[in-house]
Amino acid sequence: MDFKKIYNMKKILLSILVVFNTTFVLSQNIETKKFNSEILQSERYLKIYVPPSYTSETSKQYPLTIVFDAEYLFDLYVGNSILFASTDKAPEQIIVGINQNYNGERYQDCSFKKENSLPTKESEAFYQFVKIELLQYLEENYRTSPFKTIVGNTLTANFTNYFLIEQYPTFNAFVNISPYYALDIPVLLHQKTASIEDENIYYYLSNNKENTLEKEKIIKDTDTILKDVNNAKFKYKYDAFKNSSKITAIGQSVPSALAFIFEMYASISKDEFENNIKELSPADAIAYLESKYVEIEYLFGSNLKIREKDIFAIEAIILDKENGDYLKNFGEMINKLYKESPIGDYYIGRYYETGKKFKMALRYYKSGYMKLPEGDPNSDGYYENIERVLQKRDGTYIEQNPNN
């Protein structure tokens, strides 16, 4: 039997199933809407994706993403957002695409003056349409959270930057896929990103092998400038897809941008632990974890419990530093989040055992033991905690020598 062929066939079938399910979800949750704009004095067509969990029965809020060039960017972004949300790598999003390619509207929507790189009269109107009319409509009619993303490609990517260089950026995250930068945009970006003080700004930039030498140079110059920005509030990522065409770079950029922008939402990664947590004290590690989830709820409208995986990510810090002084705080946090789990009681029991308060240690170890389901394979190991403390209380405990 050729197991490799069977494995590959399973992968193909799984891919087909994922595509089928995603297509089904897209068809069920996308509305095409004709929007009458007073500012533009014309009708614009929108695509609006609302996640399946969006119902009138809850007050949950959702991050909002605006996608330019919706005819080809919208479905790609929505499909990736569904995948990321289903794997708990990003929150569900409300996604609104603006069609701009029926009659070449994108060239008028996103044009700029060559003398100063700022919007023309026509593109200034489109800017006002997005900033005032569209966002106001969406915020009044949908439960949107404070976090907003804007996505563009080539010419429309350049246009997204006008929402960043203004006094108060309209969006929190900017996705620039192979942008056709106006000449002065890199300098304007540098001036703005160095002075950001309030909310974090996430800026994603990508490139491909088919850009002209002129466009390639300005993208690389922008990357050099943005890499040198010394501001903790400015988060930046650059992808150079050297072997990718203009089209294939789009498919690579969207998931890379999602992973970057919503890194804070996802479980603690190895890089996050090494860069942000590893050297913290127990008290600061617990505070970091709590702060992470407060920020997730505020920005993304996702009222998540602290994931068990993230709790265990800081376990070593709690156990190894300051003689277990924060075991009680750690256990109480777990008990608050996971009342049916014996883990929180275990850590509180360990705290009291370390402090030779055997009566309290027994109380929590017994409480944790009672939470274990009948027949749980961990029951015997957990009960050893009770036996050990009983022996310590009675003075009959003999410390085991690890070398024997």
Protein backbone atom coordinates (compact mmCIF):
# COMPACT_ATOMS: atom_id res chain seq x y z
CA MET A 1 0.00 0.00 0.00
CA ASP A 2 1.42 3.41 -1.04
CA PHE A 3 0.91 5.51 2.10
CA LYS A 4 2.53 8.54 0.47
CA LYS A 5 -0.10 8.57 -2.30
CA ILE A 6 -2.87 8.14 0.26
CA TYR A 7 -1.44 11.01 2.34
CA ASN A 8 -1.20 13.27 -0.72
CA MET A 9 -4.73 12.36 -1.77
CA LYS A 10 -6.00 13.25 1.71
CA LYS A 11 -4.24 16.62 1.46
CA ILE A 12 -5.89 17.29 -1.91
CA LEU A 13 -9.34 16.29 -0.62
CA LEU A 14 -8.86 18.46 2.45
CA SER A 15 -7.88 21.42 0.27
CA ILE A 16 -10.97 20.90 -1.90
CA LEU A 17 -13.12 20.72 1.22
CA VAL A 18 -11.62 23.93 2.62
CA VAL A 19 -12.19 25.74 -0.70
CA PHE A 20 -15.77 24.41 -0.89
CA ASN A 21 -16.57 25.42 2.68
CA THR A 22 -15.00 28.86 2.26
CA THR A 23 -16.94 29.42 -0.98
CA PHE A 24 -20.15 28.37 0.75
CA VAL A 25 -19.52 30.72 3.68
CA LEU A 26 -18.69 33.57 1.30
CA SER A 27 -21.90 33.09 -0.67
CA GLN A 28 -23.96 33.01 2.51
CA ASN A 29 -22.49 36.11 4.17
CA ILE A 30 -21.72 38.61 1.42
CA GLU A 31 -24.06 41.40 0.42
CA THR A 32 -23.59 43.57 -2.66
CA LYS A 33 -24.85 47.07 -1.95
CA LYS A 34 -25.40 50.13 -4.13
CA PHE A 35 -24.28 53.18 -2.14
CA ASN A 36 -25.50 56.62 -3.20
CA SER A 37 -22.72 59.05 -2.38
CA GLU A 38 -23.55 62.72 -1.98
CA ILE A 39 -19.86 63.62 -1.89
CA LEU A 40 -19.04 61.79 -5.14
CA GLN A 41 -22.42 62.61 -6.69
CA SER A 42 -22.56 59.05 -7.98
CA GLU A 43 -23.42 55.48 -7.05
CA ARG A 44 -20.67 53.16 -5.81
CA TYR A 45 -20.96 49.41 -5.42
CA LEU A 46 -19.80 47.77 -2.22
CA LYS A 47 -19.27 44.17 -1.15
CA ILE A 48 -19.94 43.61 2.55
CA TYR A 49 -18.91 40.46 4.40
CA VAL A 50 -20.37 39.87 7.87
CA PRO A 51 -19.12 36.84 9.90
CA PRO A 52 -21.62 34.03 10.64
CA SER A 53 -21.42 34.80 14.39
CA TYR A 54 -22.79 38.31 13.80
CA THR A 55 -26.36 38.13 15.12
CA SER A 56 -28.83 40.41 16.85
CA GLU A 57 -28.67 38.20 19.93
CA THR A 58 -25.24 39.47 21.03
CA SER A 59 -23.53 42.83 21.41
CA LYS A 60 -20.17 41.56 20.16
CA GLN A 61 -18.16 44.04 18.11
CA TYR A 62 -15.92 43.24 15.12
CA PRO A 63 -12.81 44.87 13.60
CA LEU A 64 -13.54 46.61 10.29
CA THR A 65 -11.47 46.26 7.13
CA ILE A 66 -11.86 48.40 4.00
CA VAL A 67 -10.55 46.77 0.81
CA PHE A 68 -9.91 48.76 -2.37
CA ASP A 69 -9.99 47.09 -5.81
CA ALA A 70 -12.70 44.82 -4.44
CA GLU A 71 -13.27 43.04 -7.75
CA TYR A 72 -10.16 40.95 -7.17
CA LEU A 73 -8.87 41.76 -3.67
CA PHE A 74 -12.06 41.33 -1.65
CA ASP A 75 -12.69 37.58 -1.94
CA LEU A 76 -8.99 36.84 -1.39
CA TYR A 77 -8.93 38.89 1.80
CA VAL A 78 -12.21 37.44 3.08
CA GLY A 79 -11.08 33.85 2.41
CA ASN A 80 -7.86 34.39 4.33
CA SER A 81 -9.66 36.16 7.17
CA ILE A 82 -11.99 33.16 7.56
CA LEU A 83 -9.02 30.79 7.69
CA PHE A 84 -7.19 32.92 10.27
CA ALA A 85 -10.30 33.29 12.44
CA SER A 86 -11.07 29.57 12.30
CA THR A 87 -7.55 28.77 13.54
CA ASP A 88 -7.68 31.45 16.28
CA LYS A 89 -4.93 33.50 14.63
CA ALA A 90 -7.09 36.58 14.10
CA PRO A 91 -10.51 37.85 15.14
CA GLU A 92 -13.51 37.63 12.85
CA GLN A 93 -13.85 40.82 10.80
CA ILE A 94 -16.47 42.86 9.03
CA ILE A 95 -14.97 43.42 5.58
CA VAL A 96 -16.14 46.02 3.09
CA GLY A 97 -14.85 46.11 -0.46
CA ILE A 98 -15.17 49.08 -2.82
CA ASN A 99 -15.49 48.18 -6.50
CA GLN A 100 -13.24 50.45 -8.57
CA ASN A 101 -12.65 48.65 -11.84
CA TYR A 102 -15.96 48.75 -13.74
CA ASN A 103 -15.00 51.90 -15.64
CA GLY A 104 -11.46 52.51 -14.43
CA GLU A 105 -12.67 54.47 -11.39
CA ARG A 106 -9.52 53.62 -9.45
CA TYR A 107 -7.44 56.01 -11.59
CA GLN A 108 -9.68 58.96 -10.72
CA ASP A 109 -10.28 57.77 -7.13
CA CYS A 110 -6.58 57.46 -6.33
CA SER A 111 -4.85 60.02 -8.53
CA PHE A 112 -2.32 62.47 -7.09
CA LYS A 113 -0.62 65.73 -8.07
CA LYS A 114 2.88 65.23 -9.40
CA GLU A 115 4.13 68.50 -7.92
CA ASN A 116 3.43 67.56 -4.27
CA SER A 117 2.14 63.94 -4.29
CA LEU A 118 -1.14 64.98 -2.61
CA PRO A 119 -4.61 63.97 -3.86
CA THR A 120 -6.18 65.71 -6.84
CA LYS A 121 -9.60 67.35 -6.60
CA GLU A 122 -11.25 64.08 -7.71
CA SER A 123 -9.29 61.82 -5.37
CA GLU A 124 -9.80 64.24 -2.48
CA ALA A 125 -13.53 63.65 -2.98
CA PHE A 126 -12.98 59.88 -2.86
CA TYR A 127 -10.91 60.34 0.31
CA GLN A 128 -13.78 62.27 1.92
CA PHE A 129 -16.26 59.63 0.74
CA VAL A 130 -14.32 56.88 2.54
CA LYS A 131 -13.45 58.88 5.65
CA ILE A 132 -16.78 60.60 6.22
CA GLU A 133 -19.63 58.95 4.35
CA LEU A 134 -18.66 55.29 4.23
CA LEU A 135 -17.15 54.92 7.70
CA GLN A 136 -20.02 56.82 9.28
CA TYR A 137 -22.55 54.57 7.53
CA LEU A 138 -20.72 51.41 8.61
CA GLU A 139 -20.30 52.53 12.22
CA GLU A 140 -23.98 53.45 12.45
CA ASN A 141 -25.26 50.22 10.90
CA TYR A 142 -22.77 47.58 12.09
CA ARG A 143 -21.19 46.74 15.43
CA THR A 144 -17.61 47.71 14.63
CA SER A 145 -14.76 47.72 17.15
CA PRO A 146 -12.16 50.53 17.30
CA PHE A 147 -9.64 48.59 15.17
CA LYS A 148 -9.74 49.39 11.45
CA THR A 149 -7.60 48.13 8.56
CA ILE A 150 -7.29 49.42 5.00
CA VAL A 151 -5.95 47.36 2.08
CA GLY A 152 -4.77 48.43 -1.36
CA ASN A 153 -2.68 47.23 -4.31
CA THR A 154 -0.33 49.27 -6.55
CA LEU A 155 -2.09 52.63 -7.12
CA THR A 156 -4.77 52.07 -4.47
CA ALA A 157 -2.04 50.99 -2.03
CA ASN A 158 -0.41 54.39 -2.38
CA PHE A 159 -3.77 56.03 -1.67
CA THR A 160 -4.13 54.25 1.70
CA ASN A 161 -1.25 56.37 2.99
CA TYR A 162 -3.30 59.57 2.93
CA PHE A 163 -5.31 58.12 5.83
CA LEU A 164 -2.06 57.69 7.78
CA ILE A 165 -0.25 60.97 7.20
CA GLU A 166 -3.23 63.05 8.38
CA GLN A 167 -3.16 64.48 11.92
CA TYR A 168 -5.19 61.65 13.42
CA PRO A 169 -4.88 58.43 11.36
CA THR A 170 -8.25 57.03 10.36
CA PHE A 171 -7.04 53.42 10.39
CA ASN A 172 -4.92 51.31 12.74
CA ALA A 173 -3.43 49.04 10.07
CA PHE A 174 -2.30 49.72 6.51
CA VAL A 175 -1.65 47.00 3.91
CA ASN A 176 0.40 48.28 0.96
CA ILE A 177 0.76 45.56 -1.68
CA SER A 178 3.39 46.51 -4.31
CA PRO A 179 2.51 50.22 -3.99
CA TYR A 180 3.00 52.74 -6.78
CA TYR A 181 4.26 55.35 -4.36
CA ALA A 182 3.91 59.03 -5.18
CA LEU A 183 7.35 60.66 -5.07
CA ASP A 184 6.95 62.44 -1.72
CA ILE A 185 5.11 59.68 0.16
CA PRO A 186 8.26 58.10 1.73
CA VAL A 187 9.25 61.41 3.34
CA LEU A 188 5.70 62.09 4.51
CA LEU A 189 5.55 58.59 5.99
CA HIS A 190 8.81 59.08 7.84
CA GLN A 191 7.65 62.36 9.33
CA LYS A 192 4.36 60.85 10.47
CA THR A 193 5.53 57.48 11.79
CA ALA A 194 8.25 59.05 13.91
CA SER A 195 5.66 61.19 15.72
CA ILE A 196 2.87 58.65 16.42
CA GLU A 197 1.93 58.88 20.10
CA ASP A 198 -1.48 57.31 20.74
CA GLU A 199 -2.63 53.99 19.27
CA ASN A 200 -0.21 51.51 17.69
CA ILE A 201 -0.03 51.74 13.91
CA TYR A 202 0.64 48.57 11.88
CA TYR A 203 2.18 49.07 8.45
CA TYR A 204 2.68 46.22 5.98
CA LEU A 205 4.62 46.67 2.73
CA SER A 206 5.38 44.14 -0.01
CA ASN A 207 7.17 44.09 -3.35
CA ASN A 208 7.38 41.81 -6.41
CA LYS A 209 9.79 41.05 -9.25
CA GLU A 210 7.73 42.77 -11.98
CA ASN A 211 7.99 46.35 -10.72
CA THR A 212 9.86 48.81 -12.88
CA LEU A 213 13.29 49.95 -11.69
CA GLU A 214 11.81 53.30 -10.67
CA LYS A 215 9.02 51.73 -8.58
CA GLU A 216 11.41 49.15 -7.17
CA LYS A 217 13.78 51.88 -6.00
CA ILE A 218 11.14 53.96 -4.24
CA ILE A 219 9.76 50.88 -2.45
CA LYS A 220 13.26 49.91 -1.29
CA ASP A 221 13.97 53.48 -0.21
CA THR A 222 10.72 53.51 1.76
CA ASP A 223 11.63 50.23 3.41
CA THR A 224 15.00 51.68 4.46
CA ILE A 225 13.31 54.76 5.89
CA LEU A 226 10.61 52.86 7.78
CA LYS A 227 13.04 50.32 9.22
CA ASP A 228 14.92 53.21 10.83
CA VAL A 229 11.85 54.68 12.54
CA ASN A 230 12.54 54.61 16.27
CA ASN A 231 9.02 54.58 17.66
CA ALA A 232 7.52 51.71 19.68
CA LYS A 233 4.05 52.74 18.51
CA PHE A 234 4.93 52.05 14.88
CA LYS A 235 4.89 48.35 13.92
CA TYR A 236 6.36 47.56 10.53
CA LYS A 237 6.84 44.55 8.27
CA TYR A 238 8.29 44.29 4.76
CA ASP A 239 8.13 41.34 2.35
CA ALA A 240 10.21 41.26 -0.82
CA PHE A 241 8.74 38.52 -3.03
CA LYS A 242 11.67 38.37 -5.41
CA ASN A 243 10.42 35.38 -7.38
CA SER A 244 6.77 36.41 -7.54
CA SER A 245 4.81 38.19 -10.23
CA LYS A 246 2.54 41.14 -9.49
CA ILE A 247 -0.42 38.75 -9.23
CA THR A 248 1.15 35.99 -7.14
CA ALA A 249 2.56 38.58 -4.73
CA ILE A 250 -1.02 39.57 -3.87
CA GLY A 251 -1.82 36.02 -2.77
CA GLN A 252 1.34 35.94 -0.64
CA SER A 253 0.92 39.41 0.84
CA VAL A 254 -2.58 39.06 2.28
CA PRO A 255 -1.91 36.14 4.69
CA SER A 256 1.47 37.59 5.64
CA ALA A 257 -0.18 40.92 6.45
CA LEU A 258 -2.93 39.25 8.49
CA ALA A 259 -0.39 37.30 10.55
CA PHE A 260 1.57 40.51 11.21
CA ILE A 261 -1.36 42.80 12.01
CA PHE A 262 -3.15 40.37 14.31
CA GLU A 263 -0.09 38.90 16.01
CA MET A 264 -1.26 40.34 19.34
CA TYR A 265 -4.60 38.51 19.01
CA ALA A 266 -2.99 35.11 18.47
CA SER A 267 -1.63 32.92 21.24
CA ILE A 268 1.80 33.82 22.60
CA SER A 269 4.35 32.81 19.98
CA LYS A 270 7.93 31.79 20.60
CA ASP A 271 9.12 35.19 19.35
CA GLU A 272 6.64 37.05 21.58
CA PHE A 273 7.81 35.09 24.60
CA GLU A 274 11.50 35.58 23.83
CA ASN A 275 11.20 39.29 23.04
CA ASN A 276 8.54 40.47 25.50
CA ILE A 277 8.08 38.02 28.36
CA LYS A 278 11.15 35.90 29.06
CA GLU A 279 12.94 38.40 31.28
CA LEU A 280 9.86 39.60 33.19
CA SER A 281 9.30 39.05 36.90
CA PRO A 282 6.36 36.79 37.87
CA ALA A 283 4.21 39.81 38.73
CA ASP A 284 5.03 41.50 35.42
CA ALA A 285 4.45 38.29 33.44
CA ILE A 286 0.96 37.93 34.93
CA ALA A 287 0.28 41.64 34.28
CA TYR A 288 1.50 41.25 30.67
CA LEU A 289 -0.91 38.37 30.09
CA GLU A 290 -3.86 40.20 31.60
CA SER A 291 -3.01 43.37 29.66
CA LYS A 292 -2.77 41.41 26.39
CA TYR A 293 -6.33 40.17 26.75
CA VAL A 294 -7.71 43.54 27.87
CA GLU A 295 -6.20 45.02 24.70
CA ILE A 296 -7.67 42.21 22.58
CA GLU A 297 -11.15 42.90 23.95
CA TYR A 298 -10.84 46.67 23.48
CA LEU A 299 -9.41 46.66 19.95
CA PHE A 300 -11.07 43.63 18.43
CA GLY A 301 -14.29 43.29 20.42
CA SER A 302 -13.35 39.72 21.28
CA ASN A 303 -14.15 38.88 24.89
CA LEU A 304 -11.73 35.95 25.13
CA LYS A 305 -10.76 34.08 28.23
CA ILE A 306 -7.01 33.92 28.61
CA ARG A 307 -6.11 30.82 26.63
CA GLU A 308 -4.75 27.87 28.59
CA LYS A 309 -1.84 27.76 26.15
CA ASP A 310 -0.89 31.32 27.13
CA ILE A 311 -1.23 30.55 30.84
CA PHE A 312 1.25 27.73 30.50
CA ALA A 313 3.55 29.94 28.41
CA ILE A 314 4.38 31.95 31.55
CA GLU A 315 4.32 28.98 33.93
CA ALA A 316 8.11 28.59 34.03
CA ILE A 317 8.54 32.22 35.10
CA ILE A 318 6.08 31.77 37.97
CA LEU A 319 7.73 28.55 39.12
CA ASP A 320 11.39 29.47 38.72
CA LYS A 321 11.58 33.06 39.94
CA GLU A 322 11.23 34.58 43.41
CA ASN A 323 10.77 31.23 45.21
CA GLY A 324 7.20 30.70 44.06
CA ASP A 325 5.89 33.86 45.76
CA TYR A 326 3.40 34.40 42.92
CA LEU A 327 2.05 30.84 42.69
CA LYS A 328 -1.07 31.92 44.60
CA ASN A 329 -1.77 34.82 42.21
CA PHE A 330 -1.20 32.49 39.27
CA GLY A 331 -3.54 29.84 40.66
CA GLU A 332 -6.26 32.38 41.47
CA MET A 333 -6.09 33.71 37.91
CA ILE A 334 -6.54 30.18 36.54
CA ASN A 335 -9.42 29.42 38.93
CA LYS A 336 -11.18 32.58 37.84
CA LEU A 337 -10.90 31.61 34.18
CA TYR A 338 -11.28 27.83 34.39
CA LYS A 339 -13.35 27.00 37.45
CA GLU A 340 -13.69 23.32 36.56
CA SER A 341 -9.95 22.78 36.11
CA PRO A 342 -7.81 21.36 38.97
CA ILE A 343 -4.76 23.32 37.78
CA GLY A 344 -5.47 26.54 39.66
CA ASP A 345 -5.99 24.65 42.94
CA TYR A 346 -2.73 22.81 42.33
CA TYR A 347 -0.71 26.04 42.11
CA ILE A 348 -2.37 27.57 45.16
CA GLY A 349 -1.75 24.33 47.05
CA ARG A 350 1.88 24.41 45.97
CA TYR A 351 2.15 28.01 47.19
CA TYR A 352 0.93 27.05 50.67
CA GLU A 353 3.05 23.90 50.74
CA THR A 354 6.16 25.95 49.95
CA GLY A 355 5.27 28.23 52.86
CA LYS A 356 4.76 25.19 55.17
CA LYS A 357 1.07 26.03 55.61
CA PHE A 358 0.07 22.41 55.23
CA LYS A 359 -3.56 22.75 56.30
CA MET A 360 -4.24 25.27 53.51
CA ALA A 361 -2.19 23.24 51.04
CA LEU A 362 -4.32 20.16 51.77
CA ARG A 363 -7.49 22.15 51.29
CA TYR A 364 -6.55 23.20 47.77
CA TYR A 365 -4.98 19.92 46.72
CA LYS A 366 -8.16 18.11 47.82
CA SER A 367 -10.31 20.65 46.01
CA GLY A 368 -8.35 20.10 42.81
CA TYR A 369 -8.49 16.33 43.20
CA MET A 370 -12.29 16.45 43.46
CA LYS A 371 -12.48 18.26 40.12
CA LEU A 372 -10.82 15.39 38.27
CA PRO A 373 -13.35 13.23 36.40
CA GLU A 374 -13.71 9.60 37.42
CA GLY A 375 -11.12 7.42 35.74
CA ASP A 376 -8.84 10.34 34.85
CA PRO A 377 -5.31 8.93 34.23
CA ASN A 378 -3.83 11.86 36.18
CA SER A 379 -5.73 11.01 39.37
CA ASP A 380 -2.97 8.94 41.00
CA GLY A 381 -0.30 11.53 40.23
CA TYR A 382 -2.46 14.35 41.59
CA TYR A 383 -3.26 12.40 44.77
CA GLU A 384 0.47 12.12 45.48
CA ASN A 385 0.35 15.85 46.35
CA ILE A 386 -2.12 15.11 49.13
CA GLU A 387 -0.09 12.19 50.47
CA ARG A 388 3.11 14.23 50.44
CA VAL A 389 1.56 17.12 52.41
CA LEU A 390 0.01 14.72 54.94
CA GLN A 391 3.46 13.24 55.53
CA LYS A 392 5.03 16.70 55.86
CA ARG A 393 2.35 17.71 58.36
CA ASP A 394 2.96 14.57 60.42
CA GLY A 395 6.76 14.82 60.14
CA THR A 396 7.12 11.47 58.34
CA TYR A 397 8.03 12.80 54.91
CA ILE A 398 11.42 11.74 53.55
CA GLU A 399 12.79 13.90 50.73
CA GLN A 400 13.68 11.79 47.69
CA ASN A 401 17.26 12.07 46.42
CA PRO A 402 17.07 12.63 42.63
CA ASN A 403 20.45 10.84 42.23
CA ASN A 404 19.13 7.57 43.64
